[in-house]
Amino acid sequence: MLADFFAALGFAYVGMLALCQGLERHYKQVWGKPPSTQLRRGLRAAGWLSLGLSLWFCAQAWGWAMGPVGWFGLLSLSGFSLLMLLPYRPRLAVWLPMGFVPIWAMIATLA
């Protein structure tokens, strides 16, 4: 259950980040150049896919009765963390999901 929650949190953050980077303004803020049209479409598609996976992991953690409620909370938490990171540390906001993978793997093996 804890591994599912952490996976849902990670996918929610990655989804919000991909949707954010799918906008030209935020992409320029991080990378200093405008994205191509294909890259923007790919980021948006990856963002929606990641949010869908986050919903699925929330349902695995809490069931379909409470999973969507928890999912909206995780979306809010992910959006707020991006709101706080992007203006001050935009590169950290992009590289932060790399830390989710080893932590999730550790939790999954210990659980």
PDB file of N, CA and C in Angstrom:
ATOM      1  N   MET A   1       0.821  -1.190   0.000  1.00  0.00           N
ATOM      2  CA  MET A   1       0.000   0.000   0.000  1.00  0.00           C
ATOM      3  C   MET A   1       0.862   1.250   0.000  1.00  0.00           C
ATOM      4  N   LEU A   2       1.917   1.275   0.772  1.00  0.00           N
ATOM      5  CA  LEU A   2       2.797   2.447   0.808  1.00  0.00           C
ATOM      6  C   LEU A   2       3.520   2.623  -0.517  1.00  0.00           C
ATOM      7  N   ALA A   3       3.897   1.519  -1.141  1.00  0.00           N
ATOM      8  CA  ALA A   3       4.563   1.603  -2.445  1.00  0.00           C
ATOM      9  C   ALA A   3       3.593   2.140  -3.495  1.00  0.00           C
ATOM     10  N   ASP A   4       2.324   1.736  -3.431  1.00  0.00           N
ATOM     11  CA  ASP A   4       1.326   2.261  -4.369  1.00  0.00           C
ATOM     12  C   ASP A   4       1.108   3.757  -4.158  1.00  0.00           C
ATOM     13  N   PHE A   5       1.058   4.170  -2.905  1.00  0.00           N
ATOM     14  CA  PHE A   5       0.896   5.601  -2.611  1.00  0.00           C
ATOM     15  C   PHE A   5       2.074   6.398  -3.149  1.00  0.00           C
ATOM     16  N   PHE A   6       3.278   5.912  -2.925  1.00  0.00           N
ATOM     17  CA  PHE A   6       4.454   6.636  -3.379  1.00  0.00           C
ATOM     18  C   PHE A   6       4.529   6.654  -4.910  1.00  0.00           C
ATOM     19  N   ALA A   7       4.123   5.568  -5.556  1.00  0.00           N
ATOM     20  CA  ALA A   7       4.069   5.548  -7.024  1.00  0.00           C
ATOM     21  C   ALA A   7       3.025   6.541  -7.533  1.00  0.00           C
ATOM     22  N   ALA A   8       1.885   6.625  -6.857  1.00  0.00           N
ATOM     23  CA  ALA A   8       0.850   7.588  -7.253  1.00  0.00           C
ATOM     24  C   ALA A   8       1.357   9.015  -7.104  1.00  0.00           C
ATOM     25  N   LEU A   9       2.072   9.283  -6.020  1.00  0.00           N
ATOM     26  CA  LEU A   9       2.644  10.618  -5.820  1.00  0.00           C
ATOM     27  C   LEU A   9       3.668  10.940  -6.901  1.00  0.00           C
ATOM     28  N   GLY A  10       4.526   9.989  -7.208  1.00  0.00           N
ATOM     29  CA  GLY A  10       5.539  10.207  -8.241  1.00  0.00           C
ATOM     30  C   GLY A  10       4.924  10.443  -9.613  1.00  0.00           C
ATOM     31  N   PHE A  11       3.940   9.634  -9.977  1.00  0.00           N
ATOM     32  CA  PHE A  11       3.296   9.813 -11.279  1.00  0.00           C
ATOM     33  C   PHE A  11       2.493  11.105 -11.337  1.00  0.00           C
ATOM     34  N   ALA A  12       1.896  11.521 -10.219  1.00  0.00           N
ATOM     35  CA  ALA A  12       1.164  12.793 -10.199  1.00  0.00           C
ATOM     36  C   ALA A  12       2.122  13.954 -10.426  1.00  0.00           C
ATOM     37  N   TYR A  13       3.275  13.912  -9.769  1.00  0.00           N
ATOM     38  CA  TYR A  13       4.256  14.978  -9.943  1.00  0.00           C
ATOM     39  C   TYR A  13       4.800  14.992 -11.371  1.00  0.00           C
ATOM     40  N   VAL A  14       5.136  13.832 -11.896  1.00  0.00           N
ATOM     41  CA  VAL A  14       5.668  13.757 -13.257  1.00  0.00           C
ATOM     42  C   VAL A  14       4.616  14.214 -14.260  1.00  0.00           C
ATOM     43  N   GLY A  15       3.363  13.856 -14.038  1.00  0.00           N
ATOM     44  CA  GLY A  15       2.296  14.284 -14.934  1.00  0.00           C
ATOM     45  C   GLY A  15       2.111  15.787 -14.931  1.00  0.00           C
ATOM     46  N   MET A  16       2.084  16.369 -13.747  1.00  0.00           N
ATOM     47  CA  MET A  16       1.949  17.828 -13.667  1.00  0.00           C
ATOM     48  C   MET A  16       3.165  18.520 -14.276  1.00  0.00           C
ATOM     49  N   LEU A  17       4.343  17.963 -14.047  1.00  0.00           N
ATOM     50  CA  LEU A  17       5.562  18.543 -14.616  1.00  0.00           C
ATOM     51  C   LEU A  17       5.550  18.456 -16.136  1.00  0.00           C
ATOM     52  N   ALA A  18       5.123  17.327 -16.685  1.00  0.00           N
ATOM     53  CA  ALA A  18       5.081  17.175 -18.142  1.00  0.00           C
ATOM     54  C   ALA A  18       4.059  18.116 -18.761  1.00  0.00           C
ATOM     55  N   LEU A  19       2.908  18.268 -18.122  1.00  0.00           N
ATOM     56  CA  LEU A  19       1.921  19.219 -18.637  1.00  0.00           C
ATOM     57  C   LEU A  19       2.446  20.652 -18.550  1.00  0.00           C
ATOM     58  N   CYS A  20       3.163  20.939 -17.494  1.00  0.00           N
ATOM     59  CA  CYS A  20       3.757  22.267 -17.335  1.00  0.00           C
ATOM     60  C   CYS A  20       4.828  22.516 -18.391  1.00  0.00           C
ATOM     61  N   GLN A  21       5.681  21.534 -18.630  1.00  0.00           N
ATOM     62  CA  GLN A  21       6.735  21.693 -19.635  1.00  0.00           C
ATOM     63  C   GLN A  21       6.170  21.655 -21.052  1.00  0.00           C
ATOM     64  N   GLY A  22       4.952  21.213 -21.213  1.00  0.00           N
ATOM     65  CA  GLY A  22       4.293  21.235 -22.504  1.00  0.00           C
ATOM     66  C   GLY A  22       3.864  22.633 -22.931  1.00  0.00           C
ATOM     67  N   LEU A  23       3.947  23.581 -22.014  1.00  0.00           N
ATOM     68  CA  LEU A  23       3.664  24.975 -22.334  1.00  0.00           C
ATOM     69  C   LEU A  23       4.970  25.684 -22.686  1.00  0.00           C
ATOM     70  N   GLU A  24       4.922  26.484 -23.726  1.00  0.00           N
ATOM     71  CA  GLU A  24       6.146  27.128 -24.223  1.00  0.00           C
ATOM     72  C   GLU A  24       6.790  28.023 -23.176  1.00  0.00           C
ATOM     73  N   ARG A  25       5.988  28.733 -22.425  1.00  0.00           N
ATOM     74  CA  ARG A  25       6.526  29.659 -21.423  1.00  0.00           C
ATOM     75  C   ARG A  25       7.359  28.946 -20.357  1.00  0.00           C
ATOM     76  N   HIS A  26       6.819  27.871 -19.838  1.00  0.00           N
ATOM     77  CA  HIS A  26       7.525  27.154 -18.774  1.00  0.00           C
ATOM     78  C   HIS A  26       8.714  26.370 -19.313  1.00  0.00           C
ATOM     79  N   TYR A  27       8.605  25.888 -20.525  1.00  0.00           N
ATOM     80  CA  TYR A  27       9.740  25.185 -21.127  1.00  0.00           C
ATOM     81  C   TYR A  27      10.912  26.147 -21.315  1.00  0.00           C
ATOM     82  N   LYS A  28      10.611  27.352 -21.798  1.00  0.00           N
ATOM     83  CA  LYS A  28      11.665  28.368 -21.957  1.00  0.00           C
ATOM     84  C   LYS A  28      12.281  28.751 -20.618  1.00  0.00           C
ATOM     85  N   GLN A  29      11.454  28.781 -19.580  1.00  0.00           N
ATOM     86  CA  GLN A  29      11.933  29.148 -18.254  1.00  0.00           C
ATOM     87  C   GLN A  29      12.994  28.171 -17.761  1.00  0.00           C
ATOM     88  N   VAL A  30      12.839  26.906 -18.071  1.00  0.00           N
ATOM     89  CA  VAL A  30      13.773  25.891 -17.600  1.00  0.00           C
ATOM     90  C   VAL A  30      14.952  25.726 -18.553  1.00  0.00           C
ATOM     91  N   TRP A  31      14.685  25.615 -19.849  1.00  0.00           N
ATOM     92  CA  TRP A  31      15.719  25.235 -20.806  1.00  0.00           C
ATOM     93  C   TRP A  31      16.276  26.393 -21.626  1.00  0.00           C
ATOM     94  N   GLY A  32      15.624  27.564 -21.609  1.00  0.00           N
ATOM     95  CA  GLY A  32      16.149  28.729 -22.295  1.00  0.00           C
ATOM     96  C   GLY A  32      15.874  28.787 -23.788  1.00  0.00           C
ATOM     97  N   LYS A  33      15.103  27.875 -24.310  1.00  0.00           N
ATOM     98  CA  LYS A  33      14.765  27.874 -25.733  1.00  0.00           C
ATOM     99  C   LYS A  33      13.350  27.338 -25.890  1.00  0.00           C
ATOM    100  N   PRO A  34      12.671  27.713 -26.963  1.00  0.00           N
ATOM    101  CA  PRO A  34      11.295  27.210 -27.141  1.00  0.00           C
ATOM    102  C   PRO A  34      11.293  25.752 -27.593  1.00  0.00           C
ATOM    103  N   PRO A  35      10.283  25.000 -27.175  1.00  0.00           N
ATOM    104  CA  PRO A  35      10.202  23.590 -27.593  1.00  0.00           C
ATOM    105  C   PRO A  35       9.610  23.481 -28.994  1.00  0.00           C
ATOM    106  N   SER A  36       9.900  22.384 -29.639  1.00  0.00           N
ATOM    107  CA  SER A  36       9.283  22.123 -30.935  1.00  0.00           C
ATOM    108  C   SER A  36       7.821  21.713 -30.708  1.00  0.00           C
ATOM    109  N   THR A  37       7.055  21.768 -31.751  1.00  0.00           N
ATOM    110  CA  THR A  37       5.640  21.404 -31.659  1.00  0.00           C
ATOM    111  C   THR A  37       5.472  19.930 -31.287  1.00  0.00           C
ATOM    112  N   GLN A  38       6.306  19.075 -31.862  1.00  0.00           N
ATOM    113  CA  GLN A  38       6.221  17.645 -31.549  1.00  0.00           C
ATOM    114  C   GLN A  38       6.570  17.379 -30.092  1.00  0.00           C
ATOM    115  N   LEU A  39       7.578  18.073 -29.578  1.00  0.00           N
ATOM    116  CA  LEU A  39       7.962  17.892 -28.186  1.00  0.00           C
ATOM    117  C   LEU A  39       6.847  18.352 -27.252  1.00  0.00           C
ATOM    118  N   ARG A  40       6.224  19.471 -27.569  1.00  0.00           N
ATOM    119  CA  ARG A  40       5.112  19.949 -26.735  1.00  0.00           C
ATOM    120  C   ARG A  40       3.967  18.949 -26.729  1.00  0.00           C
ATOM    121  N   ARG A  41       3.633  18.404 -27.875  1.00  0.00           N
ATOM    122  CA  ARG A  41       2.548  17.408 -27.940  1.00  0.00           C
ATOM    123  C   ARG A  41       2.931  16.133 -27.192  1.00  0.00           C
ATOM    124  N   GLY A  42       4.179  15.723 -27.327  1.00  0.00           N
ATOM    125  CA  GLY A  42       4.643  14.541 -26.611  1.00  0.00           C
ATOM    126  C   GLY A  42       4.626  14.729 -25.107  1.00  0.00           C
ATOM    127  N   LEU A  43       5.034  15.907 -24.643  1.00  0.00           N
ATOM    128  CA  LEU A  43       5.007  16.193 -23.207  1.00  0.00           C
ATOM    129  C   LEU A  43       3.580  16.205 -22.678  1.00  0.00           C
ATOM    130  N   ARG A  44       2.679  16.776 -23.438  1.00  0.00           N
ATOM    131  CA  ARG A  44       1.281  16.804 -22.999  1.00  0.00           C
ATOM    132  C   ARG A  44       0.692  15.400 -22.941  1.00  0.00           C
ATOM    133  N   ALA A  45       0.977  14.592 -23.949  1.00  0.00           N
ATOM    134  CA  ALA A  45       0.474  13.213 -23.946  1.00  0.00           C
ATOM    135  C   ALA A  45       1.068  12.418 -22.784  1.00  0.00           C
ATOM    136  N   ALA A  46       2.368  12.595 -22.559  1.00  0.00           N
ATOM    137  CA  ALA A  46       3.011  11.902 -21.433  1.00  0.00           C
ATOM    138  C   ALA A  46       2.449  12.374 -20.101  1.00  0.00           C
ATOM    139  N   GLY A  47       2.124  13.651 -20.013  1.00  0.00           N
ATOM    140  CA  GLY A  47       1.543  14.179 -18.784  1.00  0.00           C
ATOM    141  C   GLY A  47       0.190  13.574 -18.475  1.00  0.00           C
ATOM    142  N   TRP A  48      -0.673  13.486 -19.479  1.00  0.00           N
ATOM    143  CA  TRP A  48      -1.989  12.893 -19.253  1.00  0.00           C
ATOM    144  C   TRP A  48      -1.894  11.403 -18.955  1.00  0.00           C
ATOM    145  N   LEU A  49      -0.980  10.718 -19.626  1.00  0.00           N
ATOM    146  CA  LEU A  49      -0.777   9.299 -19.349  1.00  0.00           C
ATOM    147  C   LEU A  49      -0.292   9.092 -17.918  1.00  0.00           C
ATOM    148  N   SER A  50       0.621   9.926 -17.487  1.00  0.00           N
ATOM    149  CA  SER A  50       1.151   9.825 -16.130  1.00  0.00           C
ATOM    150  C   SER A  50       0.075  10.119 -15.085  1.00  0.00           C
ATOM    151  N   LEU A  51      -0.776  11.086 -15.358  1.00  0.00           N
ATOM    152  CA  LEU A  51      -1.874  11.361 -14.421  1.00  0.00           C
ATOM    153  C   LEU A  51      -2.854  10.195 -14.361  1.00  0.00           C
ATOM    154  N   GLY A  52      -3.077   9.542 -15.487  1.00  0.00           N
ATOM    155  CA  GLY A  52      -3.928   8.349 -15.490  1.00  0.00           C
ATOM    156  C   GLY A  52      -3.319   7.217 -14.672  1.00  0.00           C
ATOM    157  N   LEU A  53      -2.014   7.038 -14.807  1.00  0.00           N
ATOM    158  CA  LEU A  53      -1.335   6.016 -13.996  1.00  0.00           C
ATOM    159  C   LEU A  53      -1.380   6.365 -12.513  1.00  0.00           C
ATOM    160  N   SER A  54      -1.296   7.643 -12.212  1.00  0.00           N
ATOM    161  CA  SER A  54      -1.400   8.075 -10.821  1.00  0.00           C
ATOM    162  C   SER A  54      -2.768   7.735 -10.248  1.00  0.00           C
ATOM    163  N   LEU A  55      -3.811   7.955 -11.029  1.00  0.00           N
ATOM    164  CA  LEU A  55      -5.161   7.586 -10.587  1.00  0.00           C
ATOM    165  C   LEU A  55      -5.265   6.088 -10.349  1.00  0.00           C
ATOM    166  N   TRP A  56      -4.679   5.297 -11.234  1.00  0.00           N
ATOM    167  CA  TRP A  56      -4.726   3.849 -11.082  1.00  0.00           C
ATOM    168  C   TRP A  56      -4.013   3.412  -9.796  1.00  0.00           C
ATOM    169  N   PHE A  57      -2.831   3.992  -9.516  1.00  0.00           N
ATOM    170  CA  PHE A  57      -2.113   3.626  -8.295  1.00  0.00           C
ATOM    171  C   PHE A  57      -2.859   4.096  -7.042  1.00  0.00           C
ATOM    172  N   CYS A  58      -3.541   5.243  -7.122  1.00  0.00           N
ATOM    173  CA  CYS A  58      -4.369   5.670  -5.985  1.00  0.00           C
ATOM    174  C   CYS A  58      -5.494   4.684  -5.732  1.00  0.00           C
ATOM    175  N   ALA A  59      -6.086   4.182  -6.813  1.00  0.00           N
ATOM    176  CA  ALA A  59      -7.150   3.188  -6.657  1.00  0.00           C
ATOM    177  C   ALA A  59      -6.594   1.890  -6.085  1.00  0.00           C
ATOM    178  N   GLN A  60      -5.370   1.531  -6.427  1.00  0.00           N
ATOM    179  CA  GLN A  60      -4.744   0.340  -5.853  1.00  0.00           C
ATOM    180  C   GLN A  60      -4.468   0.530  -4.367  1.00  0.00           C
ATOM    181  N   ALA A  61      -4.101   1.742  -3.987  1.00  0.00           N
ATOM    182  CA  ALA A  61      -3.756   1.997  -2.588  1.00  0.00           C
ATOM    183  C   ALA A  61      -4.994   2.104  -1.702  1.00  0.00           C
ATOM    184  N   TRP A  62      -6.041   2.793  -2.174  1.00  0.00           N
ATOM    185  CA  TRP A  62      -7.199   3.081  -1.323  1.00  0.00           C
ATOM    186  C   TRP A  62      -8.506   2.491  -1.814  1.00  0.00           C
ATOM    187  N   GLY A  63      -8.500   1.849  -2.959  1.00  0.00           N
ATOM    188  CA  GLY A  63      -9.749   1.343  -3.523  1.00  0.00           C
ATOM    189  C   GLY A  63     -10.418   2.420  -4.374  1.00  0.00           C
ATOM    190  N   TRP A  64     -11.399   1.995  -5.167  1.00  0.00           N
ATOM    191  CA  TRP A  64     -12.034   2.937  -6.084  1.00  0.00           C
ATOM    192  C   TRP A  64     -13.006   3.872  -5.384  1.00  0.00           C
ATOM    193  N   ALA A  65     -13.342   3.604  -4.145  1.00  0.00           N
ATOM    194  CA  ALA A  65     -14.231   4.519  -3.421  1.00  0.00           C
ATOM    195  C   ALA A  65     -13.484   5.764  -2.953  1.00  0.00           C
ATOM    196  N   MET A  66     -12.289   5.597  -2.418  1.00  0.00           N
ATOM    197  CA  MET A  66     -11.514   6.730  -1.892  1.00  0.00           C
ATOM    198  C   MET A  66     -10.327   7.102  -2.767  1.00  0.00           C
ATOM    199  N   GLY A  67      -9.975   6.262  -3.719  1.00  0.00           N
ATOM    200  CA  GLY A  67      -8.823   6.528  -4.582  1.00  0.00           C
ATOM    201  C   GLY A  67      -8.901   7.840  -5.345  1.00  0.00           C
ATOM    202  N   PRO A  68     -10.023   8.143  -6.008  1.00  0.00           N
ATOM    203  CA  PRO A  68     -10.100   9.422  -6.710  1.00  0.00           C
ATOM    204  C   PRO A  68     -10.007  10.635  -5.789  1.00  0.00           C
ATOM    205  N   VAL A  69     -10.498  10.510  -4.573  1.00  0.00           N
ATOM    206  CA  VAL A  69     -10.392  11.607  -3.613  1.00  0.00           C
ATOM    207  C   VAL A  69      -8.921  11.842  -3.252  1.00  0.00           C
ATOM    208  N   GLY A  70      -8.211  10.759  -2.975  1.00  0.00           N
ATOM    209  CA  GLY A  70      -6.778  10.876  -2.703  1.00  0.00           C
ATOM    210  C   GLY A  70      -6.007  11.385  -3.903  1.00  0.00           C
ATOM    211  N   TRP A  71      -6.460  10.999  -5.092  1.00  0.00           N
ATOM    212  CA  TRP A  71      -5.806  11.448  -6.331  1.00  0.00           C
ATOM    213  C   TRP A  71      -5.897  12.962  -6.476  1.00  0.00           C
ATOM    214  N   PHE A  72      -7.060  13.525  -6.199  1.00  0.00           N
ATOM    215  CA  PHE A  72      -7.189  14.986  -6.270  1.00  0.00           C
ATOM    216  C   PHE A  72      -6.294  15.671  -5.244  1.00  0.00           C
ATOM    217  N   GLY A  73      -6.138  15.060  -4.084  1.00  0.00           N
ATOM    218  CA  GLY A  73      -5.213  15.612  -3.096  1.00  0.00           C
ATOM    219  C   GLY A  73      -3.768  15.560  -3.572  1.00  0.00           C
ATOM    220  N   LEU A  74      -3.380  14.444  -4.199  1.00  0.00           N
ATOM    221  CA  LEU A  74      -2.020  14.334  -4.720  1.00  0.00           C
ATOM    222  C   LEU A  74      -1.778  15.287  -5.874  1.00  0.00           C
ATOM    223  N   LEU A  75      -2.802  15.518  -6.703  1.00  0.00           N
ATOM    224  CA  LEU A  75      -2.669  16.504  -7.769  1.00  0.00           C
ATOM    225  C   LEU A  75      -2.451  17.898  -7.204  1.00  0.00           C
ATOM    226  N   SER A  76      -3.176  18.213  -6.143  1.00  0.00           N
ATOM    227  CA  SER A  76      -3.008  19.518  -5.502  1.00  0.00           C
ATOM    228  C   SER A  76      -1.616  19.659  -4.901  1.00  0.00           C
ATOM    229  N   LEU A  77      -1.152  18.617  -4.246  1.00  0.00           N
ATOM    230  CA  LEU A  77       0.182  18.639  -3.656  1.00  0.00           C
ATOM    231  C   LEU A  77       1.264  18.768  -4.723  1.00  0.00           C
ATOM    232  N   SER A  78       1.114  18.059  -5.816  1.00  0.00           N
ATOM    233  CA  SER A  78       2.089  18.133  -6.909  1.00  0.00           C
ATOM    234  C   SER A  78       2.082  19.506  -7.565  1.00  0.00           C
ATOM    235  N   GLY A  79       0.903  20.033  -7.803  1.00  0.00           N
ATOM    236  CA  GLY A  79       0.808  21.370  -8.398  1.00  0.00           C
ATOM    237  C   GLY A  79       1.398  22.432  -7.492  1.00  0.00           C
ATOM    238  N   PHE A  80       1.148  22.322  -6.194  1.00  0.00           N
ATOM    239  CA  PHE A  80       1.704  23.292  -5.256  1.00  0.00           C
ATOM    240  C   PHE A  80       3.221  23.200  -5.183  1.00  0.00           C
ATOM    241  N   SER A  81       3.755  21.995  -5.207  1.00  0.00           N
ATOM    242  CA  SER A  81       5.216  21.856  -5.166  1.00  0.00           C
ATOM    243  C   SER A  81       5.846  22.426  -6.430  1.00  0.00           C
ATOM    244  N   LEU A  82       5.211  22.237  -7.586  1.00  0.00           N
ATOM    245  CA  LEU A  82       5.717  22.857  -8.812  1.00  0.00           C
ATOM    246  C   LEU A  82       5.608  24.374  -8.744  1.00  0.00           C
ATOM    247  N   LEU A  83       4.521  24.862  -8.180  1.00  0.00           N
ATOM    248  CA  LEU A  83       4.334  26.294  -8.028  1.00  0.00           C
ATOM    249  C   LEU A  83       5.451  26.907  -7.187  1.00  0.00           C
ATOM    250  N   MET A  84       5.895  26.196  -6.178  1.00  0.00           N
ATOM    251  CA  MET A  84       6.949  26.721  -5.316  1.00  0.00           C
ATOM    252  C   MET A  84       8.353  26.523  -5.901  1.00  0.00           C
ATOM    253  N   LEU A  85       8.553  25.477  -6.689  1.00  0.00           N
ATOM    254  CA  LEU A  85       9.889  25.191  -7.214  1.00  0.00           C
ATOM    255  C   LEU A  85      10.216  25.923  -8.512  1.00  0.00           C
ATOM    256  N   LEU A  86       9.273  26.036  -9.423  1.00  0.00           N
ATOM    257  CA  LEU A  86       9.583  26.577 -10.747  1.00  0.00           C
ATOM    258  C   LEU A  86      10.125  28.004 -10.745  1.00  0.00           C
ATOM    259  N   PRO A  87       9.610  28.923  -9.948  1.00  0.00           N
ATOM    260  CA  PRO A  87      10.179  30.269 -10.005  1.00  0.00           C
ATOM    261  C   PRO A  87      11.601  30.363  -9.451  1.00  0.00           C
ATOM    262  N   TYR A  88      11.951  29.539  -8.489  1.00  0.00           N
ATOM    263  CA  TYR A  88      13.230  29.677  -7.800  1.00  0.00           C
ATOM    264  C   TYR A  88      14.265  28.643  -8.216  1.00  0.00           C
ATOM    265  N   ARG A  89      13.869  27.418  -8.404  1.00  0.00           N
ATOM    266  CA  ARG A  89      14.769  26.326  -8.781  1.00  0.00           C
ATOM    267  C   ARG A  89      14.156  25.506  -9.916  1.00  0.00           C
ATOM    268  N   PRO A  90      14.101  26.051 -11.127  1.00  0.00           N
ATOM    269  CA  PRO A  90      13.418  25.320 -12.202  1.00  0.00           C
ATOM    270  C   PRO A  90      14.097  24.008 -12.583  1.00  0.00           C
ATOM    271  N   ARG A  91      15.417  23.973 -12.555  1.00  0.00           N
ATOM    272  CA  ARG A  91      16.091  22.706 -12.903  1.00  0.00           C
ATOM    273  C   ARG A  91      15.875  21.647 -11.831  1.00  0.00           C
ATOM    274  N   LEU A  92      15.819  22.052 -10.576  1.00  0.00           N
ATOM    275  CA  LEU A  92      15.536  21.100  -9.504  1.00  0.00           C
ATOM    276  C   LEU A  92      14.142  20.502  -9.673  1.00  0.00           C
ATOM    277  N   ALA A  93      13.189  21.315 -10.105  1.00  0.00           N
ATOM    278  CA  ALA A  93      11.832  20.814 -10.326  1.00  0.00           C
ATOM    279  C   ALA A  93      11.812  19.736 -11.406  1.00  0.00           C
ATOM    280  N   VAL A  94      12.692  19.872 -12.398  1.00  0.00           N
ATOM    281  CA  VAL A  94      12.733  18.896 -13.484  1.00  0.00           C
ATOM    282  C   VAL A  94      13.468  17.629 -13.068  1.00  0.00           C
ATOM    283  N   TRP A  95      14.529  17.753 -12.312  1.00  0.00           N
ATOM    284  CA  TRP A  95      15.336  16.583 -11.938  1.00  0.00           C
ATOM    285  C   TRP A  95      14.842  15.892 -10.672  1.00  0.00           C
ATOM    286  N   LEU A  96      13.927  16.485  -9.953  1.00  0.00           N
ATOM    287  CA  LEU A  96      13.413  15.894  -8.715  1.00  0.00           C
ATOM    288  C   LEU A  96      12.787  14.504  -8.900  1.00  0.00           C
ATOM    289  N   PRO A  97      12.066  14.236  -9.990  1.00  0.00           N
ATOM    290  CA  PRO A  97      11.487  12.888 -10.138  1.00  0.00           C
ATOM    291  C   PRO A  97      12.516  11.765 -10.200  1.00  0.00           C
ATOM    292  N   MET A  98      13.753  12.061 -10.519  1.00  0.00           N
ATOM    293  CA  MET A  98      14.783  11.010 -10.532  1.00  0.00           C
ATOM    294  C   MET A  98      14.995  10.432  -9.132  1.00  0.00           C
ATOM    295  N   GLY A  99      14.686  11.208  -8.109  1.00  0.00           N
ATOM    296  CA  GLY A  99      14.805  10.721  -6.742  1.00  0.00           C
ATOM    297  C   GLY A  99      13.673   9.802  -6.333  1.00  0.00           C
ATOM    298  N   PHE A 100      12.541   9.853  -7.051  1.00  0.00           N
ATOM    299  CA  PHE A 100      11.405   8.996  -6.716  1.00  0.00           C
ATOM    300  C   PHE A 100      11.702   7.527  -6.976  1.00  0.00           C
ATOM    301  N   VAL A 101      12.447   7.249  -8.014  1.00  0.00           N
ATOM    302  CA  VAL A 101      12.660   5.858  -8.433  1.00  0.00           C
ATOM    303  C   VAL A 101      13.414   5.042  -7.375  1.00  0.00           C
ATOM    304  N   PRO A 102      14.575   5.494  -6.869  1.00  0.00           N
ATOM    305  CA  PRO A 102      15.244   4.668  -5.857  1.00  0.00           C
ATOM    306  C   PRO A 102      14.466   4.571  -4.546  1.00  0.00           C
ATOM    307  N   ILE A 103      13.776   5.633  -4.166  1.00  0.00           N
ATOM    308  CA  ILE A 103      12.990   5.593  -2.930  1.00  0.00           C
ATOM    309  C   ILE A 103      11.832   4.620  -3.087  1.00  0.00           C
ATOM    310  N   TRP A 104      11.162   4.672  -4.257  1.00  0.00           N
ATOM    311  CA  TRP A 104      10.052   3.742  -4.500  1.00  0.00           C
ATOM    312  C   TRP A 104      10.548   2.296  -4.511  1.00  0.00           C
ATOM    313  N   ALA A 105      11.708   2.059  -5.138  1.00  0.00           N
ATOM    314  CA  ALA A 105      12.257   0.710  -5.186  1.00  0.00           C
ATOM    315  C   ALA A 105      12.585   0.206  -3.771  1.00  0.00           C
ATOM    316  N   MET A 106      13.122   1.071  -2.931  1.00  0.00           N
ATOM    317  CA  MET A 106      13.441   0.691  -1.557  1.00  0.00           C
ATOM    318  C   MET A 106      12.175   0.360  -0.779  1.00  0.00           C
ATOM    319  N   ILE A 107      11.141   1.190  -0.939  1.00  0.00           N
ATOM    320  CA  ILE A 107       9.886   0.941  -0.236  1.00  0.00           C
ATOM    321  C   ILE A 107       9.234  -0.347  -0.725  1.00  0.00           C
ATOM    322  N   ALA A 108       9.283  -0.583  -2.041  1.00  0.00           N
ATOM    323  CA  ALA A 108       8.667  -1.787  -2.602  1.00  0.00           C
ATOM    324  C   ALA A 108       9.377  -3.061  -2.122  1.00  0.00           C
ATOM    325  N   THR A 109      10.693  -3.010  -1.976  1.00  0.00           N
ATOM    326  CA  THR A 109      11.396  -4.191  -1.503  1.00  0.00           C
ATOM    327  C   THR A 109      11.221  -4.422  -0.017  1.00  0.00           C
ATOM    328  N   LEU A 110      11.086  -3.356   0.755  1.00  0.00           N
ATOM    329  CA  LEU A 110      10.903  -3.510   2.201  1.00  0.00           C
ATOM    330  C   LEU A 110       9.465  -3.878   2.579  1.00  0.00           C
ATOM    331  N   ALA A 111       8.520  -3.542   1.743  1.00  0.00           N
ATOM    332  CA  ALA A 111       7.103  -3.803   2.083  1.00  0.00           C
ATOM    333  C   ALA A 111       6.708  -5.244   1.850  1.00  0.00           C
TER     334      ALA A 111
END
